[in-house]
Amino acid sequence: MMPGQLCSFLCDYASVMAGSGASGLRIQKNIERMARHYGCRTLLELTPSTVKIQLYNTADNAQRAFRSEVVAHSGISFSKIRKLSSLSWDIADNLTDYGSALQRFQQIRNEKPLDGRIVRALASAANASFCELFGGDFISMLLVFAATYAGFFLKQSLIQRKVNTYMTFLISSFAAAIIASAAYVFSLGNTPDVALGTSVLFLVPGVPYLNSVCDMLTGHHQLGMGRMVEATILTACLSLGFCGAIVIMKIA
């Protein structure tokens, strides 16, 4: 195999991993594992928007190839991360050749996400469970389920229409909080504060926050800081939407 081909494959691989929400450490280990199998070592540079890889020959330490790629943002997908990690081990253990590995990579890369209706239902049930966990009554849980389902549907629709991500979070949190505020407006249930407070939890960017800390602790400072800034802005946007709903509904 030509060094340029291997470098392109590794760069595309890292791009998809980063775009699926993998941590910098996991990407680095997977890339190094595959490069060692082909008698090479890599110098990997990750940022929130780009991936750069320099490929060196282990024997003489000579640079063989260089590639850069834009991160293929496709939304957080633990399924893709798991399958891509499994692929890296199969390559390292010599259980697949380069042609088969490339074919598997393309299949994983083009894998369709889980049906949006299933995701909405599961997210709504999870958020309703959070409401119960924080002391919400049955009426509050039903309101949170409805608010989350509507907010998540709006989020998916806006993303499909390529609406700015920050505006998507603001609008979705606003809509969810408006629906949950019915507990105050119509005096539904005994825990309206819990219903309102938990209605926007589905938008909290927990994975980016966790990954940003992991990235900064493992030396991927550019990627970690970028993810931290992104998560902070998203949190600010959902907070603005939430506060906007409280002001409009005149909730003290």
C-alpha atoms as a PDB file:
ATOM      1  CA  MET A   1       0.000   0.000   0.000  1.00  0.00           C
ATOM      2  CA  MET A   2       1.213   3.507  -0.846  1.00  0.00           C
ATOM      3  CA  PRO A   3       1.886   5.813   2.164  1.00  0.00           C
ATOM      4  CA  GLY A   4      -0.431   8.427   0.693  1.00  0.00           C
ATOM      5  CA  GLN A   5      -3.323   5.956   0.600  1.00  0.00           C
ATOM      6  CA  LEU A   6      -2.785   4.940   4.219  1.00  0.00           C
ATOM      7  CA  CYS A   7      -2.489   8.563   5.353  1.00  0.00           C
ATOM      8  CA  SER A   8      -5.715   9.499   3.533  1.00  0.00           C
ATOM      9  CA  PHE A   9      -7.537   6.562   5.117  1.00  0.00           C
ATOM     10  CA  LEU A  10      -6.303   7.444   8.606  1.00  0.00           C
ATOM     11  CA  CYS A  11      -7.204  11.105   8.130  1.00  0.00           C
ATOM     12  CA  ASP A  12     -10.733  10.261   6.936  1.00  0.00           C
ATOM     13  CA  TYR A  13     -11.068   7.808   9.815  1.00  0.00           C
ATOM     14  CA  ALA A  14     -10.066  10.448  12.388  1.00  0.00           C
ATOM     15  CA  SER A  15     -12.407  12.970  10.780  1.00  0.00           C
ATOM     16  CA  VAL A  16     -15.435  10.666  11.125  1.00  0.00           C
ATOM     17  CA  MET A  17     -14.465   9.682  14.679  1.00  0.00           C
ATOM     18  CA  ALA A  18     -14.154  13.321  15.746  1.00  0.00           C
ATOM     19  CA  GLY A  19     -17.410  14.243  14.028  1.00  0.00           C
ATOM     20  CA  SER A  20     -19.201  11.414  15.839  1.00  0.00           C
ATOM     21  CA  GLY A  21     -18.151  12.711  19.261  1.00  0.00           C
ATOM     22  CA  ALA A  22     -15.124  10.557  20.098  1.00  0.00           C
ATOM     23  CA  SER A  23     -12.541  11.932  22.502  1.00  0.00           C
ATOM     24  CA  GLY A  24      -9.118  12.962  21.227  1.00  0.00           C
ATOM     25  CA  LEU A  25      -7.448  10.199  23.242  1.00  0.00           C
ATOM     26  CA  ARG A  26      -9.591   7.476  21.687  1.00  0.00           C
ATOM     27  CA  ILE A  27      -8.947   8.820  18.180  1.00  0.00           C
ATOM     28  CA  GLN A  28      -5.210   8.994  18.824  1.00  0.00           C
ATOM     29  CA  LYS A  29      -5.000   5.443  20.179  1.00  0.00           C
ATOM     30  CA  ASN A  30      -7.020   4.009  17.291  1.00  0.00           C
ATOM     31  CA  ILE A  31      -4.924   5.828  14.696  1.00  0.00           C
ATOM     32  CA  GLU A  32      -1.635   4.772  16.292  1.00  0.00           C
ATOM     33  CA  ARG A  33      -2.825   1.160  16.548  1.00  0.00           C
ATOM     34  CA  MET A  34      -3.550   0.953  12.832  1.00  0.00           C
ATOM     35  CA  ALA A  35      -0.404   2.853  11.803  1.00  0.00           C
ATOM     36  CA  ARG A  36       1.821   0.480  13.806  1.00  0.00           C
ATOM     37  CA  HIS A  37       0.333  -2.457  11.947  1.00  0.00           C
ATOM     38  CA  TYR A  38       1.632  -0.968   8.689  1.00  0.00           C
ATOM     39  CA  GLY A  39       5.042  -0.146  10.132  1.00  0.00           C
ATOM     40  CA  CYS A  40       4.400   3.557  10.574  1.00  0.00           C
ATOM     41  CA  ARG A  41       3.868   6.124  13.270  1.00  0.00           C
ATOM     42  CA  THR A  42       1.721   9.226  13.130  1.00  0.00           C
ATOM     43  CA  LEU A  43       1.728  12.807  14.339  1.00  0.00           C
ATOM     44  CA  LEU A  44      -1.904  13.749  14.896  1.00  0.00           C
ATOM     45  CA  GLU A  45      -3.280  17.274  15.312  1.00  0.00           C
ATOM     46  CA  LEU A  46      -6.942  17.723  16.179  1.00  0.00           C
ATOM     47  CA  THR A  47      -9.036  20.881  16.283  1.00  0.00           C
ATOM     48  CA  PRO A  48     -12.846  21.192  16.429  1.00  0.00           C
ATOM     49  CA  SER A  49     -12.949  21.750  12.659  1.00  0.00           C
ATOM     50  CA  THR A  50      -9.900  19.977  11.153  1.00  0.00           C
ATOM     51  CA  VAL A  51      -7.749  16.863  11.384  1.00  0.00           C
ATOM     52  CA  LYS A  52      -4.084  16.835  10.332  1.00  0.00           C
ATOM     53  CA  ILE A  53      -1.935  13.691  10.132  1.00  0.00           C
ATOM     54  CA  GLN A  54       1.746  13.308   9.333  1.00  0.00           C
ATOM     55  CA  LEU A  55       2.806   9.741   8.552  1.00  0.00           C
ATOM     56  CA  TYR A  56       6.362   8.582   9.317  1.00  0.00           C
ATOM     57  CA  ASN A  57       8.197   5.356   8.553  1.00  0.00           C
ATOM     58  CA  THR A  58       9.088   3.655  11.834  1.00  0.00           C
ATOM     59  CA  ALA A  59      12.328   2.187  10.446  1.00  0.00           C
ATOM     60  CA  ASP A  60      14.060   5.390   9.298  1.00  0.00           C
ATOM     61  CA  ASN A  61      11.761   8.019  10.858  1.00  0.00           C
ATOM     62  CA  ALA A  62      11.302   9.660   7.460  1.00  0.00           C
ATOM     63  CA  GLN A  63       8.080  11.507   6.709  1.00  0.00           C
ATOM     64  CA  ARG A  64       6.119   9.593   4.091  1.00  0.00           C
ATOM     65  CA  ALA A  65       2.867  11.547   3.728  1.00  0.00           C
ATOM     66  CA  PHE A  66       0.754  14.409   5.081  1.00  0.00           C
ATOM     67  CA  ARG A  67      -2.999  14.884   4.922  1.00  0.00           C
ATOM     68  CA  SER A  68      -5.558  17.293   6.384  1.00  0.00           C
ATOM     69  CA  GLU A  69      -9.317  16.928   6.422  1.00  0.00           C
ATOM     70  CA  VAL A  70     -12.338  18.875   7.618  1.00  0.00           C
ATOM     71  CA  VAL A  71     -14.090  17.155  10.527  1.00  0.00           C
ATOM     72  CA  ALA A  72     -17.166  15.302   9.263  1.00  0.00           C
ATOM     73  CA  HIS A  73     -19.715  16.505  11.824  1.00  0.00           C
ATOM     74  CA  SER A  74     -22.625  14.078  11.786  1.00  0.00           C
ATOM     75  CA  GLY A  75     -23.927  14.305  15.345  1.00  0.00           C
ATOM     76  CA  ILE A  76     -22.909  12.223  18.334  1.00  0.00           C
ATOM     77  CA  SER A  77     -23.076   8.515  17.503  1.00  0.00           C
ATOM     78  CA  PHE A  78     -21.786   5.966  19.992  1.00  0.00           C
ATOM     79  CA  SER A  79     -22.631   3.234  17.484  1.00  0.00           C
ATOM     80  CA  LYS A  80     -20.193   4.668  14.914  1.00  0.00           C
ATOM     81  CA  ILE A  81     -17.493   5.161  17.547  1.00  0.00           C
ATOM     82  CA  ARG A  82     -17.852   1.565  18.732  1.00  0.00           C
ATOM     83  CA  LYS A  83     -17.770   0.103  15.225  1.00  0.00           C
ATOM     84  CA  LEU A  84     -14.814   2.238  14.147  1.00  0.00           C
ATOM     85  CA  SER A  85     -12.886   1.235  17.271  1.00  0.00           C
ATOM     86  CA  SER A  86     -13.639  -2.405  16.514  1.00  0.00           C
ATOM     87  CA  LEU A  87     -12.350  -1.884  12.968  1.00  0.00           C
ATOM     88  CA  SER A  88      -9.060  -0.492  14.285  1.00  0.00           C
ATOM     89  CA  TRP A  89      -8.550  -3.607  16.418  1.00  0.00           C
ATOM     90  CA  ASP A  90      -9.349  -5.912  13.487  1.00  0.00           C
ATOM     91  CA  ILE A  91      -6.718  -4.130  11.389  1.00  0.00           C
ATOM     92  CA  ALA A  92      -4.148  -4.271  14.196  1.00  0.00           C
ATOM     93  CA  ASP A  93      -4.816  -7.987  14.793  1.00  0.00           C
ATOM     94  CA  ASN A  94      -4.541  -8.692  11.057  1.00  0.00           C
ATOM     95  CA  LEU A  95      -8.138  -9.947  10.880  1.00  0.00           C
ATOM     96  CA  THR A  96      -8.926  -7.884   7.792  1.00  0.00           C
ATOM     97  CA  ASP A  97      -6.982  -6.592   4.791  1.00  0.00           C
ATOM     98  CA  TYR A  98      -6.835  -2.981   3.643  1.00  0.00           C
ATOM     99  CA  GLY A  99      -9.498  -3.388   0.932  1.00  0.00           C
ATOM    100  CA  SER A 100     -12.016  -4.979   3.285  1.00  0.00           C
ATOM    101  CA  ALA A 101     -11.223  -2.444   6.001  1.00  0.00           C
ATOM    102  CA  LEU A 102     -11.829   0.445   3.604  1.00  0.00           C
ATOM    103  CA  GLN A 103     -15.149  -1.067   2.555  1.00  0.00           C
ATOM    104  CA  ARG A 104     -16.224  -1.509   6.187  1.00  0.00           C
ATOM    105  CA  PHE A 105     -15.184   2.063   6.940  1.00  0.00           C
ATOM    106  CA  GLN A 106     -17.355   3.434   4.143  1.00  0.00           C
ATOM    107  CA  GLN A 107     -20.322   1.362   5.349  1.00  0.00           C
ATOM    108  CA  ILE A 108     -19.922   2.694   8.896  1.00  0.00           C
ATOM    109  CA  ARG A 109     -19.428   6.233   7.613  1.00  0.00           C
ATOM    110  CA  ASN A 110     -22.661   6.101   5.594  1.00  0.00           C
ATOM    111  CA  GLU A 111     -24.651   4.348   8.316  1.00  0.00           C
ATOM    112  CA  LYS A 112     -28.088   5.882   8.766  1.00  0.00           C
ATOM    113  CA  PRO A 113     -28.905   7.196  12.238  1.00  0.00           C
ATOM    114  CA  LEU A 114     -31.618   5.675  14.409  1.00  0.00           C
ATOM    115  CA  ASP A 115     -35.169   6.579  13.391  1.00  0.00           C
ATOM    116  CA  GLY A 116     -35.940  10.093  14.622  1.00  0.00           C
ATOM    117  CA  ARG A 117     -39.298   9.044  16.100  1.00  0.00           C
ATOM    118  CA  ILE A 118     -37.617   6.431  18.279  1.00  0.00           C
ATOM    119  CA  VAL A 119     -34.986   8.936  19.436  1.00  0.00           C
ATOM    120  CA  ARG A 120     -37.693  11.477  20.332  1.00  0.00           C
ATOM    121  CA  ALA A 121     -39.694   8.925  22.311  1.00  0.00           C
ATOM    122  CA  LEU A 122     -36.644   7.686  24.214  1.00  0.00           C
ATOM    123  CA  ALA A 123     -35.404  11.210  24.962  1.00  0.00           C
ATOM    124  CA  SER A 124     -38.860  12.231  26.174  1.00  0.00           C
ATOM    125  CA  ALA A 125     -39.111   9.192  28.451  1.00  0.00           C
ATOM    126  CA  ALA A 126     -35.623   9.881  29.826  1.00  0.00           C
ATOM    127  CA  ASN A 127     -36.452  13.526  30.543  1.00  0.00           C
ATOM    128  CA  ALA A 128     -39.733  12.537  32.226  1.00  0.00           C
ATOM    129  CA  SER A 129     -37.688  10.155  34.365  1.00  0.00           C
ATOM    130  CA  PHE A 130     -35.411  13.037  35.365  1.00  0.00           C
ATOM    131  CA  CYS A 131     -38.505  14.970  36.371  1.00  0.00           C
ATOM    132  CA  GLU A 132     -39.580  12.116  38.661  1.00  0.00           C
ATOM    133  CA  LEU A 133     -36.024  11.803  39.985  1.00  0.00           C
ATOM    134  CA  PHE A 134     -36.054  15.465  41.044  1.00  0.00           C
ATOM    135  CA  GLY A 135     -39.371  15.059  42.861  1.00  0.00           C
ATOM    136  CA  GLY A 136     -41.884  15.794  40.114  1.00  0.00           C
ATOM    137  CA  ASP A 137     -45.382  14.316  40.315  1.00  0.00           C
ATOM    138  CA  PHE A 138     -47.159  12.356  37.585  1.00  0.00           C
ATOM    139  CA  ILE A 139     -48.747  15.448  36.000  1.00  0.00           C
ATOM    140  CA  SER A 140     -45.351  17.141  35.807  1.00  0.00           C
ATOM    141  CA  MET A 141     -43.852  14.036  34.213  1.00  0.00           C
ATOM    142  CA  LEU A 142     -46.533  14.055  31.512  1.00  0.00           C
ATOM    143  CA  LEU A 143     -45.906  17.741  30.808  1.00  0.00           C
ATOM    144  CA  VAL A 144     -42.153  17.197  30.616  1.00  0.00           C
ATOM    145  CA  PHE A 145     -42.676  14.266  28.244  1.00  0.00           C
ATOM    146  CA  ALA A 146     -44.833  16.430  25.956  1.00  0.00           C
ATOM    147  CA  ALA A 147     -42.462  19.411  26.193  1.00  0.00           C
ATOM    148  CA  THR A 148     -39.415  17.270  25.411  1.00  0.00           C
ATOM    149  CA  TYR A 149     -41.114  15.517  22.504  1.00  0.00           C
ATOM    150  CA  ALA A 150     -42.154  18.835  20.941  1.00  0.00           C
ATOM    151  CA  GLY A 151     -38.794  20.483  21.614  1.00  0.00           C
ATOM    152  CA  PHE A 152     -36.845  17.533  20.221  1.00  0.00           C
ATOM    153  CA  PHE A 153     -39.054  17.379  17.123  1.00  0.00           C
ATOM    154  CA  LEU A 154     -38.430  21.096  16.570  1.00  0.00           C
ATOM    155  CA  LYS A 155     -34.685  20.601  17.055  1.00  0.00           C
ATOM    156  CA  GLN A 156     -34.575  17.762  14.499  1.00  0.00           C
ATOM    157  CA  SER A 157     -36.631  19.747  11.995  1.00  0.00           C
ATOM    158  CA  LEU A 158     -34.454  22.850  12.283  1.00  0.00           C
ATOM    159  CA  ILE A 159     -31.251  20.812  11.944  1.00  0.00           C
ATOM    160  CA  GLN A 160     -32.612  19.160   8.788  1.00  0.00           C
ATOM    161  CA  ARG A 161     -33.291  22.634   7.383  1.00  0.00           C
ATOM    162  CA  LYS A 162     -29.676  23.661   8.130  1.00  0.00           C
ATOM    163  CA  VAL A 163     -30.712  26.320  10.642  1.00  0.00           C
ATOM    164  CA  ASN A 164     -27.843  27.680  12.747  1.00  0.00           C
ATOM    165  CA  THR A 165     -27.146  25.328  15.664  1.00  0.00           C
ATOM    166  CA  TYR A 166     -27.220  28.106  18.257  1.00  0.00           C
ATOM    167  CA  MET A 167     -30.581  29.378  17.039  1.00  0.00           C
ATOM    168  CA  THR A 168     -31.839  25.782  16.996  1.00  0.00           C
ATOM    169  CA  PHE A 169     -30.998  25.330  20.678  1.00  0.00           C
ATOM    170  CA  LEU A 170     -32.530  28.691  21.607  1.00  0.00           C
ATOM    171  CA  ILE A 171     -35.792  28.040  19.740  1.00  0.00           C
ATOM    172  CA  SER A 172     -36.098  24.438  20.967  1.00  0.00           C
ATOM    173  CA  SER A 173     -35.545  25.356  24.615  1.00  0.00           C
ATOM    174  CA  PHE A 174     -38.027  28.224  24.296  1.00  0.00           C
ATOM    175  CA  ALA A 175     -40.704  25.924  22.859  1.00  0.00           C
ATOM    176  CA  ALA A 176     -40.148  23.206  25.479  1.00  0.00           C
ATOM    177  CA  ALA A 177     -40.258  25.709  28.348  1.00  0.00           C
ATOM    178  CA  ILE A 178     -43.435  27.330  26.984  1.00  0.00           C
ATOM    179  CA  ILE A 179     -45.202  23.944  26.991  1.00  0.00           C
ATOM    180  CA  ALA A 180     -43.921  23.028  30.464  1.00  0.00           C
ATOM    181  CA  SER A 181     -45.031  26.422  31.826  1.00  0.00           C
ATOM    182  CA  ALA A 182     -48.623  25.175  31.448  1.00  0.00           C
ATOM    183  CA  ALA A 183     -48.094  23.665  34.896  1.00  0.00           C
ATOM    184  CA  TYR A 184     -47.941  27.227  36.274  1.00  0.00           C
ATOM    185  CA  VAL A 185     -50.516  28.847  33.993  1.00  0.00           C
ATOM    186  CA  PHE A 186     -53.223  26.217  34.538  1.00  0.00           C
ATOM    187  CA  SER A 187     -52.141  25.124  38.042  1.00  0.00           C
ATOM    188  CA  LEU A 188     -51.472  21.562  36.922  1.00  0.00           C
ATOM    189  CA  GLY A 189     -49.900  19.231  39.467  1.00  0.00           C
ATOM    190  CA  ASN A 190     -48.104  20.063  42.672  1.00  0.00           C
ATOM    191  CA  THR A 191     -44.566  20.470  41.281  1.00  0.00           C
ATOM    192  CA  PRO A 192     -44.696  23.022  38.456  1.00  0.00           C
ATOM    193  CA  ASP A 193     -41.188  24.235  39.278  1.00  0.00           C
ATOM    194  CA  VAL A 194     -39.748  20.761  38.663  1.00  0.00           C
ATOM    195  CA  ALA A 195     -41.677  20.421  35.403  1.00  0.00           C
ATOM    196  CA  LEU A 196     -40.354  23.731  34.118  1.00  0.00           C
ATOM    197  CA  GLY A 197     -36.795  23.170  35.305  1.00  0.00           C
ATOM    198  CA  THR A 198     -36.428  19.717  33.752  1.00  0.00           C
ATOM    199  CA  SER A 199     -38.167  20.506  30.454  1.00  0.00           C
ATOM    200  CA  VAL A 200     -34.924  21.661  28.772  1.00  0.00           C
ATOM    201  CA  LEU A 201     -32.501  19.083  30.178  1.00  0.00           C
ATOM    202  CA  PHE A 202     -32.533  17.162  26.884  1.00  0.00           C
ATOM    203  CA  LEU A 203     -30.584  20.038  25.315  1.00  0.00           C
ATOM    204  CA  VAL A 204     -27.737  20.133  27.842  1.00  0.00           C
ATOM    205  CA  PRO A 205     -24.528  19.266  25.872  1.00  0.00           C
ATOM    206  CA  GLY A 206     -23.200  16.729  28.363  1.00  0.00           C
ATOM    207  CA  VAL A 207     -21.002  14.732  25.975  1.00  0.00           C
ATOM    208  CA  PRO A 208     -19.108  17.808  24.657  1.00  0.00           C
ATOM    209  CA  TYR A 209     -18.492  18.948  28.243  1.00  0.00           C
ATOM    210  CA  LEU A 210     -17.115  15.530  29.248  1.00  0.00           C
ATOM    211  CA  ASN A 211     -15.015  15.212  26.098  1.00  0.00           C
ATOM    212  CA  SER A 212     -13.590  18.709  26.473  1.00  0.00           C
ATOM    213  CA  VAL A 213     -12.264  17.916  29.960  1.00  0.00           C
ATOM    214  CA  CYS A 214     -10.880  14.562  28.793  1.00  0.00           C
ATOM    215  CA  ASP A 215      -9.200  16.198  25.778  1.00  0.00           C
ATOM    216  CA  MET A 216      -7.527  18.895  27.855  1.00  0.00           C
ATOM    217  CA  LEU A 217      -6.290  16.353  30.404  1.00  0.00           C
ATOM    218  CA  THR A 218      -4.767  14.178  27.671  1.00  0.00           C
ATOM    219  CA  GLY A 219      -2.919  16.914  25.771  1.00  0.00           C
ATOM    220  CA  HIS A 220      -5.436  17.710  23.014  1.00  0.00           C
ATOM    221  CA  HIS A 221      -5.822  21.294  24.198  1.00  0.00           C
ATOM    222  CA  GLN A 222      -7.074  22.855  20.967  1.00  0.00           C
ATOM    223  CA  LEU A 223      -9.794  20.255  20.588  1.00  0.00           C
ATOM    224  CA  GLY A 224     -10.692  20.412  24.279  1.00  0.00           C
ATOM    225  CA  MET A 225     -10.901  24.195  24.443  1.00  0.00           C
ATOM    226  CA  GLY A 226     -12.905  24.321  21.220  1.00  0.00           C
ATOM    227  CA  ARG A 227     -15.398  21.793  22.535  1.00  0.00           C
ATOM    228  CA  MET A 228     -15.656  23.607  25.858  1.00  0.00           C
ATOM    229  CA  VAL A 229     -16.392  26.925  24.124  1.00  0.00           C
ATOM    230  CA  GLU A 230     -18.953  25.257  21.847  1.00  0.00           C
ATOM    231  CA  ALA A 231     -20.708  23.557  24.780  1.00  0.00           C
ATOM    232  CA  THR A 232     -20.724  26.801  26.767  1.00  0.00           C
ATOM    233  CA  ILE A 233     -22.319  28.752  23.911  1.00  0.00           C
ATOM    234  CA  LEU A 234     -24.958  26.040  23.431  1.00  0.00           C
ATOM    235  CA  THR A 235     -25.733  26.164  27.150  1.00  0.00           C
ATOM    236  CA  ALA A 236     -26.055  29.951  26.980  1.00  0.00           C
ATOM    237  CA  CYS A 237     -28.459  29.632  24.026  1.00  0.00           C
ATOM    238  CA  LEU A 238     -30.716  27.118  25.761  1.00  0.00           C
ATOM    239  CA  SER A 239     -30.654  29.339  28.867  1.00  0.00           C
ATOM    240  CA  LEU A 240     -31.740  32.352  26.804  1.00  0.00           C
ATOM    241  CA  GLY A 241     -34.617  30.382  25.327  1.00  0.00           C
ATOM    242  CA  PHE A 242     -35.616  29.152  28.781  1.00  0.00           C
ATOM    243  CA  CYS A 243     -35.491  32.662  30.281  1.00  0.00           C
ATOM    244  CA  GLY A 244     -37.431  34.056  27.321  1.00  0.00           C
ATOM    245  CA  ALA A 245     -40.264  31.607  27.978  1.00  0.00           C
ATOM    246  CA  ILE A 246     -40.349  32.545  31.678  1.00  0.00           C
ATOM    247  CA  VAL A 247     -40.536  36.261  30.838  1.00  0.00           C
ATOM    248  CA  ILE A 248     -43.258  35.847  28.214  1.00  0.00           C
ATOM    249  CA  MET A 249     -45.361  33.591  30.456  1.00  0.00           C
ATOM    250  CA  LYS A 250     -44.783  35.998  33.379  1.00  0.00           C
ATOM    251  CA  ILE A 251     -43.654  33.302  35.773  1.00  0.00           C
ATOM    252  CA  ALA A 252     -42.288  34.754  38.977  1.00  0.00           C
END
